[in-house]
């Protein structure tokens, strides 16, 4: 009975991993296509041409960041449900560290500030009369 449950969990985990990996790849590809098409549209219509490169990079970065979230989720399931060894946990830790660094770098690119920095105070109660 216990072995049947393990086989069932393994099959579900493998399917989940495949779906999440495909979703991650699809998100990155779709954002790349959309970002490129939008940049070409802006270039062709001569609107916001001076910010074209920055807009393109930011949209592409958002897609990569979202795609990485799906890929990391797949790696977590793979490590916990399928290959729970010290080596796989070490590889997962490395992947999470790289993803965290990429997320921080992309966040800095997108917002111009680090995630732990406070937003400018916009609370009306703190405004001077």
C-alpha atoms as a PDB file:
ATOM      1  CA  UNK A   1       0.000   0.000   0.000  1.00  0.00           C
ATOM      2  CA  UNK A   2       2.769   2.417   0.947  1.00  0.00           C
ATOM      3  CA  UNK A   3       4.602   1.708  -2.294  1.00  0.00           C
ATOM      4  CA  UNK A   4       1.444   2.434  -4.315  1.00  0.00           C
ATOM      5  CA  UNK A   5       1.152   5.841  -2.651  1.00  0.00           C
ATOM      6  CA  UNK A   6       4.799   6.617  -3.394  1.00  0.00           C
ATOM      7  CA  UNK A   7       4.322   5.687  -7.049  1.00  0.00           C
ATOM      8  CA  UNK A   8       1.194   7.865  -7.239  1.00  0.00           C
ATOM      9  CA  UNK A   9       2.987  10.824  -5.607  1.00  0.00           C
ATOM     10  CA  UNK A  10       5.945  10.356  -7.934  1.00  0.00           C
ATOM     11  CA  UNK A  11       3.730  10.352 -11.041  1.00  0.00           C
ATOM     12  CA  UNK A  12       1.815  13.459  -9.888  1.00  0.00           C
ATOM     13  CA  UNK A  13       5.103  15.208  -9.036  1.00  0.00           C
ATOM     14  CA  UNK A  14       6.610  14.405 -12.435  1.00  0.00           C
ATOM     15  CA  UNK A  15       3.524  15.744 -14.232  1.00  0.00           C
ATOM     16  CA  UNK A  16       3.512  18.852 -12.065  1.00  0.00           C
ATOM     17  CA  UNK A  17       7.190  19.444 -12.788  1.00  0.00           C
ATOM     18  CA  UNK A  18       6.621  19.101 -16.529  1.00  0.00           C
ATOM     19  CA  UNK A  19       3.649  21.481 -16.463  1.00  0.00           C
ATOM     20  CA  UNK A  20       5.466  24.105 -14.375  1.00  0.00           C
ATOM     21  CA  UNK A  21       8.581  23.931 -16.558  1.00  0.00           C
ATOM     22  CA  UNK A  22       6.504  24.319 -19.708  1.00  0.00           C
ATOM     23  CA  UNK A  23       4.643  27.253 -18.154  1.00  0.00           C
ATOM     24  CA  UNK A  24       7.938  28.918 -17.207  1.00  0.00           C
ATOM     25  CA  UNK A  25       9.335  28.487 -20.703  1.00  0.00           C
ATOM     26  CA  UNK A  26       6.069  29.660 -22.278  1.00  0.00           C
ATOM     27  CA  UNK A  27       5.925  32.778 -20.102  1.00  0.00           C
ATOM     28  CA  UNK A  28       9.490  33.749 -21.009  1.00  0.00           C
ATOM     29  CA  UNK A  29       8.874  33.163 -24.721  1.00  0.00           C
ATOM     30  CA  UNK A  30       5.529  34.991 -24.709  1.00  0.00           C
ATOM     31  CA  UNK A  31       6.965  37.990 -22.881  1.00  0.00           C
ATOM     32  CA  UNK A  32       9.938  38.056 -25.261  1.00  0.00           C
ATOM     33  CA  UNK A  33       7.637  38.016 -28.297  1.00  0.00           C
ATOM     34  CA  UNK A  34       5.267  40.579 -26.786  1.00  0.00           C
ATOM     35  CA  UNK A  35       8.100  42.884 -25.695  1.00  0.00           C
ATOM     36  CA  UNK A  36       9.721  42.704 -29.113  1.00  0.00           C
ATOM     37  CA  UNK A  37       6.450  43.326 -30.946  1.00  0.00           C
ATOM     38  CA  UNK A  38       5.611  46.271 -28.689  1.00  0.00           C
ATOM     39  CA  UNK A  39       9.092  47.743 -29.135  1.00  0.00           C
ATOM     40  CA  UNK A  40       8.819  47.398 -32.909  1.00  0.00           C
ATOM     41  CA  UNK A  41       5.386  49.058 -32.772  1.00  0.00           C
ATOM     42  CA  UNK A  42       6.769  51.969 -30.763  1.00  0.00           C
ATOM     43  CA  UNK A  43       9.705  52.253 -33.145  1.00  0.00           C
ATOM     44  CA  UNK A  44       7.454  52.217 -36.214  1.00  0.00           C
ATOM     45  CA  UNK A  45       5.011  54.768 -34.859  1.00  0.00           C
ATOM     46  CA  UNK A  46       7.803  57.050 -33.659  1.00  0.00           C
ATOM     47  CA  UNK A  47       6.213  57.317 -30.229  1.00  0.00           C
ATOM     48  CA  UNK A  48       8.372  57.297 -27.113  1.00  0.00           C
ATOM     49  CA  UNK A  49      11.389  56.410 -29.212  1.00  0.00           C
ATOM     50  CA  UNK A  50      13.797  57.894 -26.674  1.00  0.00           C
ATOM     51  CA  UNK A  51      12.625  55.411 -23.993  1.00  0.00           C
ATOM     52  CA  UNK A  52      12.305  52.478 -26.369  1.00  0.00           C
ATOM     53  CA  UNK A  53      15.314  50.496 -25.161  1.00  0.00           C
ATOM     54  CA  UNK A  54      14.442  50.982 -21.480  1.00  0.00           C
ATOM     55  CA  UNK A  55      10.817  49.969 -22.043  1.00  0.00           C
ATOM     56  CA  UNK A  56      11.906  46.891 -23.980  1.00  0.00           C
ATOM     57  CA  UNK A  57      14.371  45.811 -21.298  1.00  0.00           C
ATOM     58  CA  UNK A  58      11.898  46.285 -18.468  1.00  0.00           C
ATOM     59  CA  UNK A  59       9.131  44.293 -20.155  1.00  0.00           C
ATOM     60  CA  UNK A  60      11.554  41.523 -21.016  1.00  0.00           C
ATOM     61  CA  UNK A  61      12.884  41.497 -17.443  1.00  0.00           C
ATOM     62  CA  UNK A  62       9.369  41.151 -16.039  1.00  0.00           C
ATOM     63  CA  UNK A  63       8.770  38.118 -18.249  1.00  0.00           C
ATOM     64  CA  UNK A  64      12.042  36.500 -17.274  1.00  0.00           C
ATOM     65  CA  UNK A  65      11.309  37.076 -13.601  1.00  0.00           C
ATOM     66  CA  UNK A  66       7.840  35.530 -13.848  1.00  0.00           C
ATOM     67  CA  UNK A  67       9.158  32.597 -15.880  1.00  0.00           C
ATOM     68  CA  UNK A  68      11.873  31.992 -13.294  1.00  0.00           C
ATOM     69  CA  UNK A  69       9.223  31.738 -10.581  1.00  0.00           C
ATOM     70  CA  UNK A  70       7.611  28.812 -12.414  1.00  0.00           C
ATOM     71  CA  UNK A  71      10.966  27.139 -13.067  1.00  0.00           C
ATOM     72  CA  UNK A  72      12.019  27.441  -9.424  1.00  0.00           C
ATOM     73  CA  UNK A  73       8.670  25.971  -8.329  1.00  0.00           C
ATOM     74  CA  UNK A  74       9.336  22.989 -10.594  1.00  0.00           C
ATOM     75  CA  UNK A  75      12.828  22.585  -9.128  1.00  0.00           C
ATOM     76  CA  UNK A  76      11.452  22.678  -5.589  1.00  0.00           C
ATOM     77  CA  UNK A  77       8.925  19.936  -6.358  1.00  0.00           C
ATOM     78  CA  UNK A  78      11.603  17.901  -8.098  1.00  0.00           C
ATOM     79  CA  UNK A  79      13.955  18.182  -5.142  1.00  0.00           C
ATOM     80  CA  UNK A  80      11.390  17.489  -2.429  1.00  0.00           C
ATOM     81  CA  UNK A  81       9.241  14.824  -4.099  1.00  0.00           C
ATOM     82  CA  UNK A  82      11.595  13.028  -6.487  1.00  0.00           C
ATOM     83  CA  UNK A  83      15.313  13.439  -5.722  1.00  0.00           C
ATOM     84  CA  UNK A  84      15.661  14.229  -2.038  1.00  0.00           C
ATOM     85  CA  UNK A  85      19.447  13.951  -1.679  1.00  0.00           C
ATOM     86  CA  UNK A  86      22.112  16.288  -0.350  1.00  0.00           C
ATOM     87  CA  UNK A  87      23.293  16.909  -3.898  1.00  0.00           C
ATOM     88  CA  UNK A  88      19.820  17.851  -5.150  1.00  0.00           C
ATOM     89  CA  UNK A  89      19.240  20.104  -2.144  1.00  0.00           C
ATOM     90  CA  UNK A  90      22.597  21.793  -2.829  1.00  0.00           C
ATOM     91  CA  UNK A  91      21.698  22.308  -6.486  1.00  0.00           C
ATOM     92  CA  UNK A  92      18.319  23.718  -5.457  1.00  0.00           C
ATOM     93  CA  UNK A  93      20.009  26.086  -3.004  1.00  0.00           C
ATOM     94  CA  UNK A  94      22.303  27.291  -5.789  1.00  0.00           C
ATOM     95  CA  UNK A  95      19.360  27.807  -8.134  1.00  0.00           C
ATOM     96  CA  UNK A  96      17.438  29.731  -5.480  1.00  0.00           C
ATOM     97  CA  UNK A  97      20.482  31.925  -4.769  1.00  0.00           C
ATOM     98  CA  UNK A  98      20.939  32.708  -8.458  1.00  0.00           C
ATOM     99  CA  UNK A  99      17.210  33.400  -8.835  1.00  0.00           C
ATOM    100  CA  UNK A 100      17.262  35.661  -5.791  1.00  0.00           C
ATOM    101  CA  UNK A 101      20.194  37.613  -7.203  1.00  0.00           C
ATOM    102  CA  UNK A 102      18.447  37.933 -10.561  1.00  0.00           C
ATOM    103  CA  UNK A 103      15.231  39.041  -8.860  1.00  0.00           C
ATOM    104  CA  UNK A 104      17.053  41.709  -6.880  1.00  0.00           C
ATOM    105  CA  UNK A 105      18.895  42.947  -9.957  1.00  0.00           C
ATOM    106  CA  UNK A 106      15.723  43.043 -12.032  1.00  0.00           C
ATOM    107  CA  UNK A 107      13.821  44.774  -9.204  1.00  0.00           C
ATOM    108  CA  UNK A 108      16.543  47.416  -9.103  1.00  0.00           C
ATOM    109  CA  UNK A 109      16.230  47.837 -12.877  1.00  0.00           C
ATOM    110  CA  UNK A 110      12.445  48.071 -12.758  1.00  0.00           C
ATOM    111  CA  UNK A 111      11.974  50.418  -9.829  1.00  0.00           C
ATOM    112  CA  UNK A 112      15.326  52.134  -9.400  1.00  0.00           C
ATOM    113  CA  UNK A 113      15.505  51.074  -5.754  1.00  0.00           C
ATOM    114  CA  UNK A 114      16.239  47.963  -3.729  1.00  0.00           C
ATOM    115  CA  UNK A 115      13.215  46.023  -2.424  1.00  0.00           C
ATOM    116  CA  UNK A 116      14.072  46.843   1.185  1.00  0.00           C
ATOM    117  CA  UNK A 117      14.212  50.575   0.543  1.00  0.00           C
ATOM    118  CA  UNK A 118      11.103  52.469   1.608  1.00  0.00           C
ATOM    119  CA  UNK A 119       8.921  54.136  -0.963  1.00  0.00           C
ATOM    120  CA  UNK A 120       8.759  57.904  -0.727  1.00  0.00           C
ATOM    121  CA  UNK A 121       6.312  58.880   1.987  1.00  0.00           C
ATOM    122  CA  UNK A 122       2.975  59.566   0.314  1.00  0.00           C
ATOM    123  CA  UNK A 123       0.816  59.360   3.442  1.00  0.00           C
ATOM    124  CA  UNK A 124      -1.264  62.521   3.651  1.00  0.00           C
ATOM    125  CA  UNK A 125      -1.133  62.522   7.457  1.00  0.00           C
ATOM    126  CA  UNK A 126       2.606  63.176   7.317  1.00  0.00           C
ATOM    127  CA  UNK A 127       2.316  66.056   4.858  1.00  0.00           C
ATOM    128  CA  UNK A 128       3.046  69.530   6.072  1.00  0.00           C
ATOM    129  CA  UNK A 129       0.152  72.021   6.098  1.00  0.00           C
END
